[in-house]
C-alpha cells in the first residue's frame, strides 16, 4: 500500500506542477491579448490551454478516484467522477473540490 500512495502523491505533485505551468501560460497570454489585436489564432491558443487544464484535472481526479476504488458508472462517469471528488471520506481523504465547483462544472 505504501508504494501505491507514494505513486499517487507523485502523480498529484506532477499534475499540480503542470497546472501551475498552464496557469502561468494563461496569465502571460491574457496580458499579451490585452495588448494585441484579438485573432482566431489567439482564441485557438487559449482554447488549447483550457482543454489541457481540463484534461489535467480530469486525469488527476480519475487517478484519485481509482486509488480509493470509487466505482463510476459507464453512462455518466464524468459526473460521477466530479461527484466523488466532492466527498469527504472520514479518516481517508478530504474533498478534492468544493460543492460550488461541482455545481458550476456539472451545471
Protein backbone atom coordinates (compact mmCIF):
# COMPACT_ATOMS: atom_id res chain seq x y z
CA UNK A 1 0.00 0.00 0.00
CA UNK A 2 2.85 2.41 0.80
CA UNK A 3 4.17 2.22 -2.75
CA UNK A 4 0.72 2.92 -4.15
CA UNK A 5 0.19 6.01 -2.00
CA UNK A 6 3.67 7.25 -2.92
CA UNK A 7 2.78 6.84 -6.59
CA UNK A 8 -0.48 8.75 -6.10
CA UNK A 9 1.34 11.54 -4.28
CA UNK A 10 3.87 11.75 -7.13
CA UNK A 11 1.06 11.90 -9.69
CA UNK A 12 -0.70 14.65 -7.72
CA UNK A 13 2.52 16.66 -7.46
CA UNK A 14 3.19 16.26 -11.18
CA UNK A 15 -0.35 17.34 -12.04
CA UNK A 16 -0.11 20.37 -9.75
CA UNK A 17 3.15 21.38 -11.44
CA UNK A 18 1.52 21.05 -14.88
CA UNK A 19 -1.46 23.10 -13.72
CA UNK A 20 0.88 25.81 -12.42
CA UNK A 21 2.61 25.94 -15.81
CA UNK A 22 -0.72 26.17 -17.60
CA UNK A 23 -1.85 28.95 -15.27
CA UNK A 24 1.33 30.91 -15.93
CA UNK A 25 0.91 30.43 -19.67
CA UNK A 26 -2.70 31.61 -19.40
CA UNK A 27 -1.70 34.73 -17.44
CA UNK A 28 1.02 35.64 -19.93
CA UNK A 29 -1.38 35.04 -22.82
CA UNK A 30 -4.06 37.21 -21.26
CA UNK A 31 -1.56 40.03 -20.72
CA UNK A 32 -0.45 39.73 -24.35
CA UNK A 33 -4.05 39.53 -25.55
CA UNK A 34 -4.87 42.77 -23.75
CA UNK A 35 -2.08 44.50 -25.71
CA UNK A 36 -2.63 42.90 -29.12
CA UNK A 37 -5.48 42.54 -31.53
CA UNK A 38 -7.78 39.60 -30.94
CA UNK A 39 -7.29 36.94 -33.58
CA UNK A 40 -8.53 33.44 -34.31
CA UNK A 41 -5.04 32.13 -33.64
CA UNK A 42 -5.03 33.62 -30.13
CA UNK A 43 -8.50 32.21 -29.46
CA UNK A 44 -7.37 28.74 -30.55
CA UNK A 45 -4.26 29.06 -28.38
CA UNK A 46 -6.35 29.98 -25.32
CA UNK A 47 -8.79 27.17 -26.01
CA UNK A 48 -5.86 24.73 -26.02
CA UNK A 49 -4.86 26.00 -22.58
CA UNK A 50 -8.41 25.37 -21.35
CA UNK A 51 -8.53 21.88 -22.88
CA UNK A 52 -5.14 20.96 -21.38
CA UNK A 53 -6.21 22.28 -17.97
CA UNK A 54 -9.46 20.30 -18.09
CA UNK A 55 -7.66 17.14 -19.19
CA UNK A 56 -5.03 17.50 -16.47
CA UNK A 57 -7.71 17.94 -13.77
CA UNK A 58 -9.86 15.12 -15.08
CA UNK A 59 -6.87 12.76 -15.19
CA UNK A 60 -5.90 13.75 -11.65
CA UNK A 61 -9.45 13.21 -10.39
CA UNK A 62 -9.61 9.84 -12.15
CA UNK A 63 -6.34 8.71 -10.54
CA UNK A 64 -7.56 9.77 -7.09
CA UNK A 65 -10.89 8.02 -7.68
CA UNK A 66 -9.14 4.86 -8.90
CA UNK A 67 -6.81 4.83 -5.89
CA UNK A 68 -9.75 4.94 -3.49
CA UNK A 69 -11.60 2.36 -5.61
CA UNK A 70 -14.59 4.60 -6.30
CA UNK A 71 -16.97 2.98 -8.75
CA UNK A 72 -18.01 5.11 -11.71
CA UNK A 73 -20.97 4.24 -13.90
CA UNK A 74 -20.17 3.96 -17.57
CA UNK A 75 -23.16 6.06 -18.64
CA UNK A 76 -22.24 9.17 -16.66
CA UNK A 77 -18.73 8.63 -15.38
CA UNK A 78 -17.74 12.29 -15.84
CA UNK A 79 -20.49 13.44 -13.47
CA UNK A 80 -19.83 10.53 -11.07
CA UNK A 81 -16.15 11.44 -11.05
CA UNK A 82 -16.91 15.03 -10.08
CA UNK A 83 -19.43 13.84 -7.51
CA UNK A 84 -16.88 11.55 -5.82
CA UNK A 85 -14.30 14.36 -5.79
CA UNK A 86 -16.53 16.49 -3.57
CA UNK A 87 -16.99 13.77 -0.95
CA UNK A 88 -15.29 13.83 2.40
CA UNK A 89 -14.32 10.30 3.41
CA UNK A 90 -13.63 10.43 7.17
CA UNK A 91 -10.21 9.12 8.09
CA UNK A 92 -9.27 8.67 4.44
CA UNK A 93 -9.41 11.93 2.48
CA UNK A 94 -10.85 15.40 2.35
CA UNK A 95 -12.93 16.63 -0.60
CA UNK A 96 -10.85 17.40 -3.68
CA UNK A 97 -13.31 20.04 -4.95
CA UNK A 98 -15.88 22.13 -3.11
CA UNK A 99 -19.63 21.92 -3.73
CA UNK A 100 -19.61 25.27 -5.54
CA UNK A 101 -17.07 23.99 -8.07
CA UNK A 102 -19.15 20.85 -8.58
CA UNK A 103 -22.31 22.86 -9.16
CA UNK A 104 -20.58 25.11 -11.73
CA UNK A 105 -18.99 22.20 -13.58
CA UNK A 106 -21.92 19.81 -13.54
CA UNK A 107 -24.43 22.56 -14.40
